Amino acid sequence: MHQEITEAIDFIGRLLQSKLEPSLITLFKAKLYELLSERFLEHWDPEHPGRGNAYRAITIFNGQLDALLTLAAQQVSISPNTLLVHLPQEFVLWIDPSAVSYRVGDHGNIMDLFMDGKSLKDRKTIMNNVVSTSTPIRISPPTSPASNEKKLFIDSRPSSPLAIHAKKDQQQQQQQSSRHKSLVLAH
């Protein structure tokens, strides 16, 4: 648990690195470490790492800073608004047994910071030795059943009188064009 929390708070510290004084970042990270350790004490099960995943997530959504980030900031005399301005918007940081990952944006890619006892720093040297040809993909959520029903409703609606009239005009023009071609061929 302690290694995962350290990876997570180091990542947050790097995001704030050029935005706040180093001494403030150090105090903030220490306080956040303390709060996360207390919070996860009864919610850490290496046998079932996904259990409690949402409880261990740190989030920033709709301009709302996670309560734990707010508390840590206030306890070290940093304005929560300062964090809100300098951290990514629509952000989730998951801290799980043997894994730390994050996502920026509602549909962004999930990026690993720590996996199976190896931090991103360790993994970078491994990945530098491997040629990677993969490209990150973005997956859009499927359309909702309500959208599909609406489309079916729109497609099944009767046409307006104007549309019916336009369609008749188009059919008549096609018929006249066909007759004209027949007359030209006959002569």
N, C-alpha and C. Protein backbone atom coordinates (compact mmCIF):
# COMPACT_ATOMS: atom_id res chain seq x y z
N MET A 1 0.82 -1.19 0.00
CA MET A 1 0.00 0.00 0.00
C MET A 1 0.87 1.26 0.00
N HIS A 2 1.92 1.23 0.76
CA HIS A 2 2.75 2.43 0.90
C HIS A 2 3.48 2.78 -0.40
N GLN A 3 3.92 1.75 -1.13
CA GLN A 3 4.60 2.01 -2.39
C GLN A 3 3.62 2.62 -3.41
N GLU A 4 2.39 2.11 -3.45
CA GLU A 4 1.39 2.62 -4.38
C GLU A 4 1.01 4.07 -4.05
N ILE A 5 0.84 4.35 -2.75
CA ILE A 5 0.51 5.72 -2.34
C ILE A 5 1.66 6.66 -2.69
N THR A 6 2.88 6.21 -2.47
CA THR A 6 4.06 7.04 -2.80
C THR A 6 4.09 7.36 -4.29
N GLU A 7 3.83 6.35 -5.13
CA GLU A 7 3.80 6.58 -6.58
C GLU A 7 2.73 7.61 -6.95
N ALA A 8 1.57 7.49 -6.33
CA ALA A 8 0.46 8.42 -6.63
C ALA A 8 0.78 9.85 -6.21
N ILE A 9 1.29 10.01 -5.01
CA ILE A 9 1.55 11.39 -4.56
C ILE A 9 2.77 11.99 -5.27
N ASP A 10 3.72 11.15 -5.66
CA ASP A 10 4.84 11.66 -6.46
C ASP A 10 4.34 12.18 -7.81
N PHE A 11 3.38 11.47 -8.39
CA PHE A 11 2.80 11.91 -9.66
C PHE A 11 2.10 13.25 -9.50
N ILE A 12 1.31 13.39 -8.46
CA ILE A 12 0.62 14.66 -8.21
C ILE A 12 1.65 15.76 -7.97
N GLY A 13 2.71 15.43 -7.23
CA GLY A 13 3.79 16.40 -6.99
C GLY A 13 4.44 16.86 -8.29
N ARG A 14 4.64 15.91 -9.23
CA ARG A 14 5.22 16.29 -10.52
C ARG A 14 4.29 17.22 -11.30
N LEU A 15 2.98 17.00 -11.17
CA LEU A 15 2.03 17.87 -11.87
C LEU A 15 2.07 19.29 -11.31
N LEU A 16 2.41 19.42 -10.04
CA LEU A 16 2.44 20.73 -9.39
C LEU A 16 3.84 21.35 -9.37
N GLN A 17 4.82 20.63 -9.87
CA GLN A 17 6.23 20.97 -9.73
C GLN A 17 6.57 22.41 -10.06
N SER A 18 6.20 22.90 -11.19
CA SER A 18 6.58 24.27 -11.58
C SER A 18 5.52 25.29 -11.18
N LYS A 19 4.48 24.83 -10.49
CA LYS A 19 3.36 25.72 -10.14
C LYS A 19 3.43 26.24 -8.72
N LEU A 20 4.01 25.46 -7.82
CA LEU A 20 4.10 25.83 -6.41
C LEU A 20 5.54 25.74 -5.93
N GLU A 21 5.79 26.38 -4.81
CA GLU A 21 7.13 26.30 -4.22
C GLU A 21 7.43 24.86 -3.79
N PRO A 22 8.66 24.42 -3.99
CA PRO A 22 9.01 23.04 -3.63
C PRO A 22 8.70 22.69 -2.17
N SER A 23 8.90 23.64 -1.26
CA SER A 23 8.64 23.35 0.16
C SER A 23 7.14 23.10 0.40
N LEU A 24 6.28 23.84 -0.30
CA LEU A 24 4.83 23.62 -0.18
C LEU A 24 4.43 22.28 -0.75
N ILE A 25 5.03 21.92 -1.87
CA ILE A 25 4.73 20.62 -2.49
C ILE A 25 5.12 19.49 -1.54
N THR A 26 6.28 19.61 -0.90
CA THR A 26 6.75 18.59 0.04
C THR A 26 5.77 18.44 1.20
N LEU A 27 5.32 19.57 1.76
CA LEU A 27 4.35 19.53 2.86
C LEU A 27 3.03 18.91 2.40
N PHE A 28 2.58 19.30 1.23
CA PHE A 28 1.32 18.79 0.68
C PHE A 28 1.40 17.28 0.46
N LYS A 29 2.50 16.83 -0.12
CA LYS A 29 2.67 15.39 -0.38
C LYS A 29 2.70 14.60 0.93
N ALA A 30 3.37 15.12 1.95
CA ALA A 30 3.43 14.44 3.25
C ALA A 30 2.04 14.34 3.87
N LYS A 31 1.27 15.41 3.81
CA LYS A 31 -0.08 15.40 4.37
C LYS A 31 -0.98 14.47 3.58
N LEU A 32 -0.87 14.49 2.26
CA LEU A 32 -1.68 13.62 1.42
C LEU A 32 -1.33 12.15 1.68
N TYR A 33 -0.05 11.86 1.86
CA TYR A 33 0.38 10.49 2.18
C TYR A 33 -0.29 10.03 3.47
N GLU A 34 -0.26 10.88 4.48
CA GLU A 34 -0.86 10.56 5.78
C GLU A 34 -2.37 10.30 5.64
N LEU A 35 -3.07 11.18 4.93
CA LEU A 35 -4.52 11.03 4.76
C LEU A 35 -4.89 9.79 3.95
N LEU A 36 -4.14 9.53 2.89
CA LEU A 36 -4.43 8.35 2.07
C LEU A 36 -4.15 7.06 2.84
N SER A 37 -3.09 7.04 3.62
CA SER A 37 -2.76 5.85 4.42
C SER A 37 -3.88 5.54 5.42
N GLU A 38 -4.39 6.58 6.05
CA GLU A 38 -5.51 6.40 6.99
C GLU A 38 -6.76 5.91 6.26
N ARG A 39 -7.04 6.51 5.14
CA ARG A 39 -8.24 6.19 4.39
C ARG A 39 -8.23 4.74 3.87
N PHE A 40 -7.09 4.28 3.42
CA PHE A 40 -7.00 2.96 2.80
C PHE A 40 -6.80 1.83 3.80
N LEU A 41 -6.55 2.14 5.04
CA LEU A 41 -6.21 1.13 6.04
C LEU A 41 -7.17 -0.06 6.04
N GLU A 42 -8.46 0.19 6.03
CA GLU A 42 -9.45 -0.89 6.04
C GLU A 42 -9.99 -1.20 4.64
N HIS A 43 -9.39 -0.58 3.61
CA HIS A 43 -9.89 -0.75 2.25
C HIS A 43 -8.76 -1.16 1.30
N TRP A 44 -7.97 -2.10 1.73
CA TRP A 44 -6.83 -2.55 0.92
C TRP A 44 -6.78 -4.07 0.97
N ASP A 45 -7.11 -4.72 -0.13
CA ASP A 45 -7.15 -6.18 -0.18
C ASP A 45 -6.36 -6.66 -1.40
N PRO A 46 -5.08 -7.01 -1.20
CA PRO A 46 -4.26 -7.48 -2.33
C PRO A 46 -4.83 -8.71 -3.03
N GLU A 47 -5.63 -9.51 -2.33
CA GLU A 47 -6.24 -10.69 -2.94
C GLU A 47 -7.34 -10.31 -3.94
N HIS A 48 -7.97 -9.17 -3.71
CA HIS A 48 -9.04 -8.66 -4.58
C HIS A 48 -8.77 -7.18 -4.86
N PRO A 49 -7.78 -6.87 -5.70
CA PRO A 49 -7.35 -5.48 -5.88
C PRO A 49 -8.41 -4.54 -6.45
N GLY A 50 -9.39 -5.07 -7.17
CA GLY A 50 -10.43 -4.21 -7.73
C GLY A 50 -11.50 -3.81 -6.73
N ARG A 51 -11.59 -4.56 -5.63
CA ARG A 51 -12.60 -4.28 -4.62
C ARG A 51 -12.27 -2.95 -3.94
N GLY A 52 -13.21 -2.03 -3.92
CA GLY A 52 -13.00 -0.73 -3.30
C GLY A 52 -12.30 0.26 -4.20
N ASN A 53 -12.21 -0.05 -5.49
CA ASN A 53 -11.50 0.79 -6.45
C ASN A 53 -12.01 2.23 -6.44
N ALA A 54 -13.30 2.41 -6.44
CA ALA A 54 -13.86 3.77 -6.47
C ALA A 54 -13.54 4.53 -5.20
N TYR A 55 -13.51 3.83 -4.08
CA TYR A 55 -13.21 4.47 -2.80
C TYR A 55 -11.77 4.99 -2.77
N ARG A 56 -10.90 4.30 -3.47
CA ARG A 56 -9.49 4.69 -3.48
C ARG A 56 -9.15 5.65 -4.63
N ALA A 57 -10.14 6.07 -5.37
CA ALA A 57 -9.90 6.99 -6.49
C ALA A 57 -9.85 8.43 -6.00
N ILE A 58 -8.95 9.19 -6.58
CA ILE A 58 -8.89 10.63 -6.33
C ILE A 58 -9.38 11.29 -7.60
N THR A 59 -10.36 12.18 -7.48
CA THR A 59 -11.00 12.73 -8.67
C THR A 59 -11.07 14.25 -8.67
N ILE A 60 -11.13 14.78 -9.89
CA ILE A 60 -11.47 16.18 -10.11
C ILE A 60 -12.48 16.16 -11.26
N PHE A 61 -13.74 16.49 -10.94
CA PHE A 61 -14.80 16.49 -11.95
C PHE A 61 -15.68 17.71 -11.78
N ASN A 62 -16.10 18.26 -12.90
CA ASN A 62 -17.02 19.41 -12.91
C ASN A 62 -16.56 20.54 -12.00
N GLY A 63 -15.27 20.79 -12.00
CA GLY A 63 -14.74 21.88 -11.19
C GLY A 63 -14.73 21.58 -9.70
N GLN A 64 -14.91 20.33 -9.33
CA GLN A 64 -14.92 19.91 -7.93
C GLN A 64 -13.65 19.14 -7.62
N LEU A 65 -12.90 19.63 -6.69
CA LEU A 65 -11.67 18.98 -6.24
C LEU A 65 -12.03 17.88 -5.25
N ASP A 66 -11.37 16.74 -5.34
CA ASP A 66 -11.60 15.64 -4.41
C ASP A 66 -11.47 16.16 -2.98
N ALA A 67 -12.35 15.68 -2.11
CA ALA A 67 -12.37 16.14 -0.71
C ALA A 67 -11.03 15.90 -0.01
N LEU A 68 -10.36 14.81 -0.34
CA LEU A 68 -9.08 14.50 0.28
C LEU A 68 -7.99 15.49 -0.16
N LEU A 69 -8.01 15.86 -1.44
CA LEU A 69 -7.06 16.88 -1.92
C LEU A 69 -7.33 18.22 -1.26
N THR A 70 -8.60 18.55 -1.12
CA THR A 70 -8.99 19.82 -0.48
C THR A 70 -8.50 19.84 0.96
N LEU A 71 -8.75 18.76 1.69
CA LEU A 71 -8.34 18.68 3.10
C LEU A 71 -6.82 18.78 3.25
N ALA A 72 -6.08 18.05 2.43
CA ALA A 72 -4.62 18.10 2.50
C ALA A 72 -4.11 19.50 2.20
N ALA A 73 -4.69 20.14 1.18
CA ALA A 73 -4.27 21.50 0.81
C ALA A 73 -4.54 22.48 1.96
N GLN A 74 -5.73 22.41 2.52
CA GLN A 74 -6.08 23.34 3.60
C GLN A 74 -5.18 23.14 4.82
N GLN A 75 -4.83 21.91 5.12
CA GLN A 75 -4.01 21.63 6.31
C GLN A 75 -2.56 22.10 6.17
N VAL A 76 -2.13 22.38 4.93
CA VAL A 76 -0.76 22.90 4.73
C VAL A 76 -0.79 24.32 4.16
N SER A 77 -1.93 24.97 4.29
CA SER A 77 -2.10 26.38 3.89
C SER A 77 -1.94 26.63 2.39
N ILE A 78 -2.47 25.71 1.58
CA ILE A 78 -2.55 25.91 0.14
C ILE A 78 -4.03 26.09 -0.18
N SER A 79 -4.34 27.08 -0.97
CA SER A 79 -5.72 27.27 -1.37
C SER A 79 -6.16 26.12 -2.28
N PRO A 80 -7.30 25.48 -1.98
CA PRO A 80 -7.79 24.42 -2.87
C PRO A 80 -7.97 24.92 -4.30
N ASN A 81 -8.31 26.20 -4.47
CA ASN A 81 -8.46 26.75 -5.82
C ASN A 81 -7.14 26.72 -6.58
N THR A 82 -6.03 26.87 -5.86
CA THR A 82 -4.72 26.80 -6.50
C THR A 82 -4.51 25.41 -7.09
N LEU A 83 -4.88 24.38 -6.34
CA LEU A 83 -4.77 23.01 -6.86
C LEU A 83 -5.70 22.82 -8.05
N LEU A 84 -6.91 23.34 -7.92
CA LEU A 84 -7.89 23.17 -8.99
C LEU A 84 -7.42 23.80 -10.29
N VAL A 85 -6.74 24.93 -10.18
CA VAL A 85 -6.23 25.63 -11.36
C VAL A 85 -5.06 24.87 -11.99
N HIS A 86 -4.21 24.27 -11.17
CA HIS A 86 -2.97 23.68 -11.67
C HIS A 86 -3.02 22.17 -11.94
N LEU A 87 -4.05 21.49 -11.49
CA LEU A 87 -4.19 20.06 -11.78
C LEU A 87 -5.12 19.89 -12.97
N PRO A 88 -5.00 18.79 -13.69
CA PRO A 88 -5.86 18.58 -14.86
C PRO A 88 -7.35 18.53 -14.47
N GLN A 89 -8.16 19.05 -15.33
CA GLN A 89 -9.60 18.97 -15.13
C GLN A 89 -10.09 17.62 -15.63
N GLU A 90 -11.19 17.15 -15.08
CA GLU A 90 -11.73 15.83 -15.46
C GLU A 90 -10.63 14.78 -15.32
N PHE A 91 -10.22 14.58 -14.09
CA PHE A 91 -9.05 13.76 -13.77
C PHE A 91 -9.43 12.68 -12.76
N VAL A 92 -8.93 11.47 -12.96
CA VAL A 92 -9.11 10.38 -12.00
C VAL A 92 -7.75 9.70 -11.79
N LEU A 93 -7.42 9.46 -10.54
CA LEU A 93 -6.20 8.74 -10.18
C LEU A 93 -6.62 7.56 -9.32
N TRP A 94 -6.39 6.34 -9.83
CA TRP A 94 -6.76 5.13 -9.09
C TRP A 94 -5.53 4.59 -8.38
N ILE A 95 -5.69 4.27 -7.09
CA ILE A 95 -4.61 3.70 -6.30
C ILE A 95 -5.10 2.34 -5.81
N ASP A 96 -4.60 1.28 -6.40
CA ASP A 96 -5.03 -0.08 -6.08
C ASP A 96 -3.83 -0.92 -5.70
N PRO A 97 -4.07 -2.05 -5.03
CA PRO A 97 -2.95 -2.96 -4.74
C PRO A 97 -2.22 -3.35 -6.03
N SER A 98 -0.94 -3.09 -6.10
CA SER A 98 -0.06 -3.41 -7.22
C SER A 98 -0.31 -2.60 -8.48
N ALA A 99 -1.12 -1.54 -8.40
CA ALA A 99 -1.39 -0.74 -9.60
C ALA A 99 -1.79 0.69 -9.23
N VAL A 100 -1.23 1.64 -9.98
CA VAL A 100 -1.64 3.04 -9.89
C VAL A 100 -1.79 3.51 -11.33
N SER A 101 -2.95 4.08 -11.64
CA SER A 101 -3.19 4.55 -13.00
C SER A 101 -4.03 5.82 -12.94
N TYR A 102 -4.08 6.52 -14.08
CA TYR A 102 -4.85 7.75 -14.13
C TYR A 102 -5.48 7.92 -15.50
N ARG A 103 -6.45 8.83 -15.54
CA ARG A 103 -7.10 9.19 -16.80
C ARG A 103 -7.40 10.68 -16.74
N VAL A 104 -7.09 11.38 -17.82
CA VAL A 104 -7.42 12.79 -17.95
C VAL A 104 -8.51 12.89 -19.01
N GLY A 105 -9.60 13.53 -18.68
CA GLY A 105 -10.72 13.65 -19.61
C GLY A 105 -11.71 12.53 -19.40
N ASP A 106 -12.93 12.79 -19.78
CA ASP A 106 -14.00 11.84 -19.56
C ASP A 106 -13.83 10.56 -20.37
N HIS A 107 -13.24 10.67 -21.56
CA HIS A 107 -13.05 9.50 -22.42
C HIS A 107 -11.58 9.29 -22.78
N GLY A 108 -10.69 9.81 -21.94
CA GLY A 108 -9.26 9.68 -22.24
C GLY A 108 -8.76 8.26 -22.01
N ASN A 109 -7.56 8.00 -22.44
CA ASN A 109 -6.93 6.70 -22.24
C ASN A 109 -6.49 6.56 -20.79
N ILE A 110 -6.56 5.37 -20.26
CA ILE A 110 -6.08 5.10 -18.91
C ILE A 110 -4.59 4.80 -19.03
N MET A 111 -3.81 5.52 -18.26
CA MET A 111 -2.36 5.40 -18.31
C MET A 111 -1.86 4.81 -16.98
N ASP A 112 -0.96 3.84 -17.06
CA ASP A 112 -0.40 3.21 -15.87
C ASP A 112 0.79 4.01 -15.36
N LEU A 113 0.85 4.18 -14.04
CA LEU A 113 2.01 4.79 -13.39
C LEU A 113 2.84 3.74 -12.66
N PHE A 114 2.15 2.71 -12.19
CA PHE A 114 2.78 1.67 -11.39
C PHE A 114 2.02 0.39 -11.65
N MET A 115 2.77 -0.69 -11.96
CA MET A 115 2.10 -1.95 -12.26
C MET A 115 2.98 -3.11 -11.80
N ASP A 116 2.41 -3.99 -11.01
CA ASP A 116 3.10 -5.21 -10.55
C ASP A 116 4.48 -4.92 -9.95
N GLY A 117 4.54 -3.95 -9.07
CA GLY A 117 5.79 -3.67 -8.37
C GLY A 117 6.79 -2.85 -9.14
N LYS A 118 6.45 -2.39 -10.33
CA LYS A 118 7.37 -1.58 -11.13
C LYS A 118 6.76 -0.20 -11.38
N SER A 119 7.53 0.82 -11.09
CA SER A 119 7.05 2.17 -11.34
C SER A 119 7.27 2.52 -12.80
N LEU A 120 6.65 3.58 -13.23
CA LEU A 120 6.77 4.03 -14.62
C LEU A 120 8.24 4.27 -14.96
N LYS A 121 8.99 4.77 -14.00
CA LYS A 121 10.41 5.03 -14.26
C LYS A 121 11.13 3.74 -14.64
N ASP A 122 10.85 2.66 -13.91
CA ASP A 122 11.46 1.37 -14.21
C ASP A 122 10.97 0.85 -15.55
N ARG A 123 9.70 1.04 -15.83
CA ARG A 123 9.11 0.53 -17.06
C ARG A 123 9.61 1.29 -18.28
N LYS A 124 9.99 2.56 -18.11
CA LYS A 124 10.50 3.34 -19.25
C LYS A 124 11.76 2.69 -19.82
N THR A 125 12.66 2.27 -18.95
CA THR A 125 13.89 1.66 -19.45
C THR A 125 13.60 0.34 -20.14
N ILE A 126 12.62 -0.39 -19.63
CA ILE A 126 12.23 -1.64 -20.28
C ILE A 126 11.63 -1.33 -21.65
N MET A 127 10.73 -0.36 -21.70
CA MET A 127 10.03 -0.03 -22.95
C MET A 127 10.97 0.58 -23.99
N ASN A 128 12.04 1.23 -23.55
CA ASN A 128 12.99 1.79 -24.52
C ASN A 128 13.69 0.70 -25.31
N ASN A 129 13.79 -0.49 -24.74
CA ASN A 129 14.43 -1.60 -25.42
C ASN A 129 13.48 -2.34 -26.36
N VAL A 130 12.22 -2.00 -26.31
CA VAL A 130 11.21 -2.67 -27.14
C VAL A 130 10.67 -1.65 -28.13
N VAL A 131 10.60 -2.04 -29.39
CA VAL A 131 10.04 -1.16 -30.40
C VAL A 131 8.53 -1.30 -30.33
N SER A 132 7.86 -0.20 -30.09
CA SER A 132 6.41 -0.23 -29.96
C SER A 132 5.77 0.38 -31.19
N THR A 133 4.84 -0.36 -31.78
CA THR A 133 4.14 0.16 -32.95
C THR A 133 2.67 0.41 -32.63
N SER A 134 2.29 0.23 -31.38
CA SER A 134 0.89 0.42 -31.04
C SER A 134 0.57 1.90 -30.92
N THR A 135 -0.66 2.21 -31.22
CA THR A 135 -1.16 3.57 -31.14
C THR A 135 -2.30 3.58 -30.14
N PRO A 136 -2.31 4.55 -29.22
CA PRO A 136 -3.43 4.59 -28.28
C PRO A 136 -4.74 4.78 -29.04
N ILE A 137 -5.76 4.12 -28.56
CA ILE A 137 -7.06 4.26 -29.20
C ILE A 137 -8.01 4.97 -28.26
N ARG A 138 -8.99 5.57 -28.82
CA ARG A 138 -10.00 6.25 -28.03
C ARG A 138 -11.32 5.54 -28.31
N ILE A 139 -11.96 5.11 -27.27
CA ILE A 139 -13.20 4.37 -27.42
C ILE A 139 -14.34 5.28 -27.01
N SER A 140 -15.27 5.48 -27.92
CA SER A 140 -16.45 6.29 -27.61
C SER A 140 -17.51 5.39 -27.00
N PRO A 141 -18.28 5.95 -26.09
CA PRO A 141 -19.33 5.13 -25.49
C PRO A 141 -20.39 4.79 -26.53
N PRO A 142 -21.04 3.64 -26.37
CA PRO A 142 -22.08 3.27 -27.34
C PRO A 142 -23.27 4.20 -27.21
N THR A 143 -24.06 4.28 -28.26
CA THR A 143 -25.25 5.12 -28.19
C THR A 143 -26.23 4.48 -27.23
N SER A 144 -26.96 5.31 -26.55
CA SER A 144 -27.92 4.81 -25.57
C SER A 144 -29.13 4.23 -26.26
N PRO A 145 -29.85 3.33 -25.59
CA PRO A 145 -31.07 2.78 -26.18
C PRO A 145 -32.08 3.88 -26.51
N ALA A 146 -32.10 4.94 -25.69
CA ALA A 146 -33.03 6.04 -25.96
C ALA A 146 -32.71 6.72 -27.29
N SER A 147 -31.42 6.86 -27.62
CA SER A 147 -31.03 7.47 -28.90
C SER A 147 -31.46 6.59 -30.05
N ASN A 148 -31.27 5.28 -29.89
CA ASN A 148 -31.67 4.36 -30.95
C ASN A 148 -33.17 4.40 -31.17
N GLU A 149 -33.96 4.47 -30.07
CA GLU A 149 -35.42 4.55 -30.20
C GLU A 149 -35.81 5.84 -30.90
N LYS A 150 -35.14 6.95 -30.55
CA LYS A 150 -35.44 8.23 -31.17
C LYS A 150 -35.18 8.17 -32.67
N LYS A 151 -34.07 7.54 -33.07
CA LYS A 151 -33.73 7.43 -34.49
C LYS A 151 -34.80 6.61 -35.21
N LEU A 152 -35.21 5.50 -34.58
CA LEU A 152 -36.26 4.67 -35.18
C LEU A 152 -37.55 5.47 -35.32
N PHE A 153 -37.87 6.27 -34.30
CA PHE A 153 -39.08 7.08 -34.33
C PHE A 153 -39.00 8.10 -35.47
N ILE A 154 -37.86 8.74 -35.61
CA ILE A 154 -37.69 9.75 -36.67
C ILE A 154 -37.80 9.09 -38.04
N ASP A 155 -37.17 7.90 -38.20
CA ASP A 155 -37.22 7.21 -39.49
C ASP A 155 -38.62 6.71 -39.83
N SER A 156 -39.44 6.42 -38.82
CA SER A 156 -40.76 5.84 -39.08
C SER A 156 -41.86 6.90 -39.15
N ARG A 157 -41.53 8.16 -38.91
CA ARG A 157 -42.54 9.21 -38.98
C ARG A 157 -43.01 9.38 -40.42
N PRO A 158 -44.30 9.73 -40.58
CA PRO A 158 -44.77 9.99 -41.95
C PRO A 158 -44.13 11.27 -42.48
N SER A 159 -43.93 11.31 -43.77
CA SER A 159 -43.32 12.49 -44.37
C SER A 159 -44.30 13.66 -44.34
N SER A 160 -43.76 14.85 -44.37
CA SER A 160 -44.60 16.04 -44.40
C SER A 160 -45.23 16.18 -45.79
N PRO A 161 -46.32 16.92 -45.89
CA PRO A 161 -46.94 17.11 -47.21
C PRO A 161 -45.96 17.70 -48.22
N LEU A 162 -45.12 18.61 -47.78
CA LEU A 162 -44.15 19.22 -48.69
C LEU A 162 -43.16 18.18 -49.21
N ALA A 163 -42.69 17.28 -48.31
CA ALA A 163 -41.75 16.24 -48.71
C ALA A 163 -42.42 15.26 -49.68
N ILE A 164 -43.69 14.94 -49.42
CA ILE A 164 -44.42 14.04 -50.32
C ILE A 164 -44.54 14.67 -51.70
N HIS A 165 -44.87 15.96 -51.74
CA HIS A 165 -45.00 16.68 -53.00
C HIS A 165 -43.67 16.71 -53.76
N ALA A 166 -42.58 16.97 -53.04
CA ALA A 166 -41.24 17.01 -53.67
C ALA A 166 -40.88 15.65 -54.24
N LYS A 167 -41.22 14.59 -53.51
CA LYS A 167 -40.91 13.24 -53.98
C LYS A 167 -41.71 12.93 -55.25
N LYS A 168 -42.98 13.36 -55.30
CA LYS A 168 -43.81 13.14 -56.50
C LYS A 168 -43.21 13.89 -57.69
N ASP A 169 -42.78 15.13 -57.45
CA ASP A 169 -42.16 15.92 -58.53
C ASP A 169 -40.92 15.22 -59.06
N GLN A 170 -40.11 14.67 -58.16
CA GLN A 170 -38.89 13.98 -58.56
C GLN A 170 -39.23 12.74 -59.40
N GLN A 171 -40.24 12.01 -59.00
CA GLN A 171 -40.65 10.81 -59.75
C GLN A 171 -41.16 11.20 -61.14
N GLN A 172 -41.92 12.30 -61.22
CA GLN A 172 -42.44 12.75 -62.52
C GLN A 172 -41.30 13.15 -63.44
N GLN A 173 -40.30 13.85 -62.89
CA GLN A 173 -39.16 14.27 -63.70
C GLN A 173 -38.41 13.05 -64.22
N GLN A 174 -38.26 12.01 -63.39
CA GLN A 174 -37.58 10.80 -63.82
C GLN A 174 -38.37 10.11 -64.94
N GLN A 175 -39.70 10.10 -64.82
CA GLN A 175 -40.54 9.48 -65.84
C GLN A 175 -40.43 10.25 -67.16
N GLN A 176 -40.46 11.59 -67.08
CA GLN A 176 -40.35 12.41 -68.29
C GLN A 176 -38.99 12.20 -68.95
N SER A 177 -37.94 12.11 -68.14
CA SER A 177 -36.60 11.88 -68.67
C SER A 177 -36.53 10.53 -69.37
N SER A 178 -37.16 9.52 -68.79
CA SER A 178 -37.18 8.18 -69.40
C SER A 178 -37.94 8.21 -70.73
N ARG A 179 -39.08 8.91 -70.80
CA ARG A 179 -39.86 9.01 -72.03
C ARG A 179 -39.07 9.72 -73.11
N HIS A 180 -38.37 10.80 -72.71
CA HIS A 180 -37.59 11.58 -73.66
C HIS A 180 -36.48 10.70 -74.27
N LYS A 181 -35.82 9.90 -73.43
CA LYS A 181 -34.77 9.00 -73.92
C LYS A 181 -35.34 7.98 -74.88
N SER A 182 -36.55 7.48 -74.57
CA SER A 182 -37.19 6.48 -75.43
C SER A 182 -37.51 7.09 -76.78
N LEU A 183 -38.02 8.34 -76.80
CA LEU A 183 -38.35 9.01 -78.07
C LEU A 183 -37.10 9.26 -78.90
N VAL A 184 -36.00 9.66 -78.24
CA VAL A 184 -34.75 9.93 -78.94
C VAL A 184 -34.22 8.65 -79.54
N LEU A 185 -34.28 7.57 -78.83
CA LEU A 185 -33.80 6.29 -79.35
C LEU A 185 -34.68 5.77 -80.50
N ALA A 186 -35.99 6.06 -80.44
CA ALA A 186 -36.90 5.59 -81.45
C ALA A 186 -36.65 6.29 -82.77
N HIS A 187 -36.22 7.50 -82.78
CA HIS A 187 -35.99 8.24 -84.03
C HIS A 187 -34.63 8.02 -84.49
